[in-house]
Every structure is written in C-alpha cells, then in structure tokens.
Amino acid sequence: MPSSNSTSKTKSRSKHGHATTPSFICEVPLRVTTAQETILLTRFEAARQWYNALLGEALRRLRLLQQSRAYQAARKLPRGATDSAQQRAQ
C-alpha cells in the first residue's frame, strides 16, 4: 500500500487560490561565445527597458482614465443595461 507521501493526484493551490497542475522544468545552459553573449545581454537589456517604458505608459493612462469624469459616470451605470435611451431616462 502506498504511503501518504507518494505522488497524489490532488492539485495544489497557487498564491491566488487557483488550482495548479504539477509542472516539470528543465533548465539547460546555453552554450554561446563571448560575442554572442554580449549581443544577447544587450538585446535583453533593451527589451527590459522597452517593456518597462510601455508598462509605465500604460499605468499612467490607466490612472488618467480612472480619474476622468466620464469613467466615474460609466462606473455608476447599472450592469447589464444595453439600451442607451433607457439609461439616459434614469
């Protein structure tokens, strides 16, 4: 009879409470020359800076949207209402 510590079919929970399935990760070192490593590091750094710039701009626009009067008015509308004439009458 298997012990309680053996592999089980129960799913673990992530930090957000969602069920996760077991995962397997295999890391293999990349064999590159010094020149290739320099190119990769340069490109990774450029991609990181680009990503952070885009993320910052997106977050700035989100804050502006959330502060707008139109957004605040839209949030007060009842959910599921589809007829705009009916909404204006209320």
N, C-alpha and C. Protein backbone atom coordinates (compact mmCIF):
# COMPACT_ATOMS: atom_id res chain seq x y z
N MET A 1 0.85 -1.18 0.00
CA MET A 1 0.00 0.00 0.00
C MET A 1 0.89 1.24 0.00
N PRO A 2 0.63 2.23 -0.90
CA PRO A 2 1.48 3.42 -0.96
C PRO A 2 1.30 4.29 0.27
N SER A 3 2.39 4.93 0.64
CA SER A 3 2.32 5.82 1.79
C SER A 3 1.62 7.12 1.39
N SER A 4 1.26 7.93 2.37
CA SER A 4 0.57 9.18 2.10
C SER A 4 1.48 10.22 1.45
N ASN A 5 2.80 9.98 1.49
CA ASN A 5 3.75 10.92 0.89
C ASN A 5 4.00 10.65 -0.59
N SER A 6 3.44 9.58 -1.12
CA SER A 6 3.67 9.29 -2.54
C SER A 6 2.94 10.29 -3.41
N THR A 7 3.21 10.22 -4.70
CA THR A 7 2.61 11.18 -5.63
C THR A 7 1.09 11.05 -5.57
N SER A 8 0.44 12.17 -5.43
CA SER A 8 -1.01 12.15 -5.37
C SER A 8 -1.58 12.90 -6.56
N LYS A 9 -2.84 12.68 -6.80
CA LYS A 9 -3.50 13.33 -7.92
C LYS A 9 -4.20 14.60 -7.51
N THR A 10 -4.02 15.03 -6.28
CA THR A 10 -4.64 16.28 -5.85
C THR A 10 -3.88 17.45 -6.41
N LYS A 11 -4.60 18.50 -6.73
CA LYS A 11 -3.99 19.69 -7.29
C LYS A 11 -3.63 20.65 -6.16
N SER A 12 -2.46 21.26 -6.29
CA SER A 12 -2.07 22.24 -5.30
C SER A 12 -2.70 23.58 -5.64
N ARG A 13 -2.60 24.52 -4.74
CA ARG A 13 -3.18 25.85 -4.94
C ARG A 13 -2.07 26.87 -5.12
N SER A 14 -2.30 27.77 -6.08
CA SER A 14 -1.33 28.86 -6.28
C SER A 14 -1.59 29.93 -5.24
N LYS A 15 -0.76 31.00 -5.26
CA LYS A 15 -0.93 32.07 -4.29
C LYS A 15 -2.23 32.82 -4.50
N HIS A 16 -2.86 32.68 -5.69
CA HIS A 16 -4.14 33.34 -5.96
C HIS A 16 -5.32 32.43 -5.68
N GLY A 17 -5.05 31.20 -5.23
CA GLY A 17 -6.12 30.29 -4.88
C GLY A 17 -6.60 29.42 -6.03
N HIS A 18 -6.02 29.57 -7.22
CA HIS A 18 -6.42 28.76 -8.35
C HIS A 18 -5.72 27.42 -8.29
N ALA A 19 -6.40 26.37 -8.76
CA ALA A 19 -5.78 25.06 -8.80
C ALA A 19 -4.69 25.03 -9.85
N THR A 20 -3.59 24.41 -9.52
CA THR A 20 -2.49 24.29 -10.48
C THR A 20 -2.19 22.82 -10.69
N THR A 21 -1.70 22.50 -11.86
CA THR A 21 -1.30 21.13 -12.14
C THR A 21 0.19 20.99 -11.89
N PRO A 22 0.66 19.79 -11.63
CA PRO A 22 2.09 19.60 -11.41
C PRO A 22 2.89 20.03 -12.64
N SER A 23 4.04 20.60 -12.42
CA SER A 23 4.88 21.09 -13.51
C SER A 23 6.28 20.50 -13.40
N PHE A 24 6.94 20.45 -14.53
CA PHE A 24 8.32 20.00 -14.58
C PHE A 24 9.12 21.01 -15.38
N ILE A 25 10.22 21.47 -14.83
CA ILE A 25 11.06 22.46 -15.50
C ILE A 25 12.45 21.87 -15.66
N CYS A 26 12.96 21.96 -16.87
CA CYS A 26 14.32 21.50 -17.15
C CYS A 26 15.11 22.69 -17.66
N GLU A 27 16.11 23.11 -16.91
CA GLU A 27 16.96 24.22 -17.33
C GLU A 27 18.24 23.67 -17.93
N VAL A 28 18.54 24.15 -19.13
CA VAL A 28 19.75 23.71 -19.83
C VAL A 28 20.59 24.94 -20.11
N PRO A 29 21.87 24.93 -19.75
CA PRO A 29 22.70 26.11 -20.01
C PRO A 29 22.88 26.34 -21.51
N LEU A 30 22.82 27.59 -21.90
CA LEU A 30 23.01 27.97 -23.29
C LEU A 30 24.51 28.12 -23.56
N ARG A 31 24.98 27.43 -24.54
CA ARG A 31 26.42 27.48 -24.86
C ARG A 31 26.62 28.49 -25.99
N VAL A 32 27.21 29.62 -25.65
CA VAL A 32 27.43 30.69 -26.62
C VAL A 32 28.86 31.21 -26.50
N THR A 33 29.28 31.88 -27.54
CA THR A 33 30.59 32.53 -27.50
C THR A 33 30.47 33.84 -26.73
N THR A 34 31.59 34.45 -26.44
CA THR A 34 31.59 35.73 -25.73
C THR A 34 30.89 36.80 -26.55
N ALA A 35 31.10 36.80 -27.85
CA ALA A 35 30.45 37.79 -28.71
C ALA A 35 28.93 37.59 -28.72
N GLN A 36 28.49 36.33 -28.79
CA GLN A 36 27.06 36.05 -28.78
C GLN A 36 26.44 36.43 -27.44
N GLU A 37 27.16 36.18 -26.36
CA GLU A 37 26.67 36.55 -25.03
C GLU A 37 26.49 38.06 -24.91
N THR A 38 27.44 38.81 -25.44
CA THR A 38 27.36 40.28 -25.41
C THR A 38 26.13 40.76 -26.17
N ILE A 39 25.90 40.18 -27.35
CA ILE A 39 24.73 40.56 -28.15
C ILE A 39 23.44 40.23 -27.41
N LEU A 40 23.36 39.03 -26.83
CA LEU A 40 22.15 38.63 -26.11
C LEU A 40 21.89 39.53 -24.91
N LEU A 41 22.92 39.81 -24.13
CA LEU A 41 22.75 40.67 -22.96
C LEU A 41 22.29 42.07 -23.36
N THR A 42 22.85 42.59 -24.46
CA THR A 42 22.46 43.91 -24.95
C THR A 42 20.98 43.91 -25.36
N ARG A 43 20.58 42.87 -26.08
CA ARG A 43 19.19 42.80 -26.54
C ARG A 43 18.22 42.58 -25.38
N PHE A 44 18.60 41.75 -24.41
CA PHE A 44 17.74 41.55 -23.24
C PHE A 44 17.56 42.85 -22.46
N GLU A 45 18.63 43.60 -22.32
CA GLU A 45 18.56 44.88 -21.60
C GLU A 45 17.67 45.87 -22.35
N ALA A 46 17.81 45.93 -23.66
CA ALA A 46 16.97 46.82 -24.47
C ALA A 46 15.50 46.42 -24.35
N ALA A 47 15.23 45.12 -24.38
CA ALA A 47 13.85 44.63 -24.26
C ALA A 47 13.28 44.95 -22.87
N ARG A 48 14.11 44.83 -21.83
CA ARG A 48 13.66 45.14 -20.47
C ARG A 48 13.29 46.62 -20.35
N GLN A 49 14.13 47.48 -20.89
CA GLN A 49 13.85 48.92 -20.83
C GLN A 49 12.60 49.28 -21.63
N TRP A 50 12.45 48.67 -22.78
CA TRP A 50 11.28 48.90 -23.63
C TRP A 50 10.00 48.45 -22.91
N TYR A 51 10.04 47.25 -22.31
CA TYR A 51 8.89 46.72 -21.57
C TYR A 51 8.52 47.65 -20.42
N ASN A 52 9.50 48.09 -19.65
CA ASN A 52 9.23 48.97 -18.51
C ASN A 52 8.68 50.31 -18.96
N ALA A 53 9.15 50.83 -20.08
CA ALA A 53 8.63 52.09 -20.60
C ALA A 53 7.17 51.93 -21.01
N LEU A 54 6.85 50.84 -21.70
CA LEU A 54 5.47 50.58 -22.12
C LEU A 54 4.55 50.35 -20.91
N LEU A 55 5.05 49.63 -19.93
CA LEU A 55 4.26 49.38 -18.73
C LEU A 55 3.98 50.68 -17.99
N GLY A 56 4.98 51.53 -17.87
CA GLY A 56 4.80 52.82 -17.20
C GLY A 56 3.78 53.69 -17.92
N GLU A 57 3.84 53.71 -19.25
CA GLU A 57 2.88 54.50 -20.02
C GLU A 57 1.47 53.94 -19.88
N ALA A 58 1.34 52.63 -19.91
CA ALA A 58 0.03 52.00 -19.75
C ALA A 58 -0.57 52.31 -18.38
N LEU A 59 0.25 52.24 -17.34
CA LEU A 59 -0.24 52.53 -15.99
C LEU A 59 -0.61 54.01 -15.84
N ARG A 60 0.16 54.89 -16.48
CA ARG A 60 -0.16 56.31 -16.46
C ARG A 60 -1.52 56.57 -17.12
N ARG A 61 -1.74 55.93 -18.28
CA ARG A 61 -3.02 56.11 -18.97
C ARG A 61 -4.19 55.51 -18.18
N LEU A 62 -3.94 54.39 -17.49
CA LEU A 62 -4.98 53.79 -16.66
C LEU A 62 -5.38 54.74 -15.54
N ARG A 63 -4.39 55.36 -14.87
CA ARG A 63 -4.70 56.31 -13.80
C ARG A 63 -5.49 57.50 -14.33
N LEU A 64 -5.09 58.01 -15.51
CA LEU A 64 -5.83 59.13 -16.10
C LEU A 64 -7.26 58.74 -16.43
N LEU A 65 -7.43 57.55 -16.95
CA LEU A 65 -8.78 57.06 -17.27
C LEU A 65 -9.62 56.97 -16.01
N GLN A 66 -9.08 56.37 -14.97
CA GLN A 66 -9.83 56.18 -13.73
C GLN A 66 -10.17 57.50 -13.06
N GLN A 67 -9.42 58.55 -13.31
CA GLN A 67 -9.69 59.85 -12.72
C GLN A 67 -10.68 60.67 -13.55
N SER A 68 -10.97 60.24 -14.77
CA SER A 68 -11.83 61.04 -15.65
C SER A 68 -13.29 60.99 -15.18
N ARG A 69 -14.00 62.06 -15.43
CA ARG A 69 -15.41 62.15 -15.05
C ARG A 69 -16.25 61.15 -15.83
N ALA A 70 -15.93 60.95 -17.10
CA ALA A 70 -16.70 60.02 -17.93
C ALA A 70 -16.58 58.59 -17.38
N TYR A 71 -15.40 58.21 -16.95
CA TYR A 71 -15.19 56.88 -16.39
C TYR A 71 -15.98 56.72 -15.08
N GLN A 72 -15.92 57.73 -14.23
CA GLN A 72 -16.65 57.67 -12.97
C GLN A 72 -18.16 57.55 -13.22
N ALA A 73 -18.67 58.29 -14.23
CA ALA A 73 -20.10 58.21 -14.56
C ALA A 73 -20.44 56.82 -15.11
N ALA A 74 -19.57 56.27 -15.93
CA ALA A 74 -19.82 54.95 -16.50
C ALA A 74 -19.83 53.88 -15.42
N ARG A 75 -18.99 54.03 -14.41
CA ARG A 75 -18.97 53.05 -13.32
C ARG A 75 -20.26 53.04 -12.53
N LYS A 76 -20.97 54.16 -12.51
CA LYS A 76 -22.21 54.25 -11.75
C LYS A 76 -23.39 53.66 -12.50
N LEU A 77 -23.23 53.38 -13.80
CA LEU A 77 -24.33 52.80 -14.58
C LEU A 77 -24.63 51.39 -14.10
N PRO A 78 -25.90 50.99 -14.17
CA PRO A 78 -26.23 49.62 -13.76
C PRO A 78 -25.61 48.60 -14.72
N ARG A 79 -25.18 47.49 -14.18
CA ARG A 79 -24.56 46.46 -15.01
C ARG A 79 -25.62 45.77 -15.87
N GLY A 80 -25.24 45.40 -17.07
CA GLY A 80 -26.11 44.64 -17.93
C GLY A 80 -27.08 45.48 -18.75
N ALA A 81 -27.19 46.76 -18.49
CA ALA A 81 -28.10 47.60 -19.26
C ALA A 81 -27.51 47.80 -20.65
N THR A 82 -28.30 47.54 -21.69
CA THR A 82 -27.80 47.66 -23.06
C THR A 82 -28.46 48.77 -23.84
N ASP A 83 -29.63 49.21 -23.45
CA ASP A 83 -30.34 50.24 -24.19
C ASP A 83 -29.91 51.61 -23.68
N SER A 84 -29.19 52.38 -24.50
CA SER A 84 -28.67 53.67 -24.06
C SER A 84 -29.80 54.67 -23.81
N ALA A 85 -30.88 54.60 -24.55
CA ALA A 85 -32.02 55.51 -24.32
C ALA A 85 -32.63 55.23 -22.95
N GLN A 86 -32.72 53.98 -22.60
CA GLN A 86 -33.28 53.61 -21.29
C GLN A 86 -32.36 54.11 -20.18
N GLN A 87 -31.06 54.06 -20.37
CA GLN A 87 -30.12 54.52 -19.36
C GLN A 87 -30.20 56.03 -19.18
N ARG A 88 -30.36 56.77 -20.28
CA ARG A 88 -30.46 58.23 -20.20
C ARG A 88 -31.73 58.66 -19.49
N ALA A 89 -32.78 57.86 -19.56
CA ALA A 89 -34.05 58.22 -18.93
C ALA A 89 -33.97 58.08 -17.42
N GLN A 90 -33.05 57.29 -16.94
CA GLN A 90 -32.98 57.05 -15.49
C GLN A 90 -32.28 58.12 -14.80
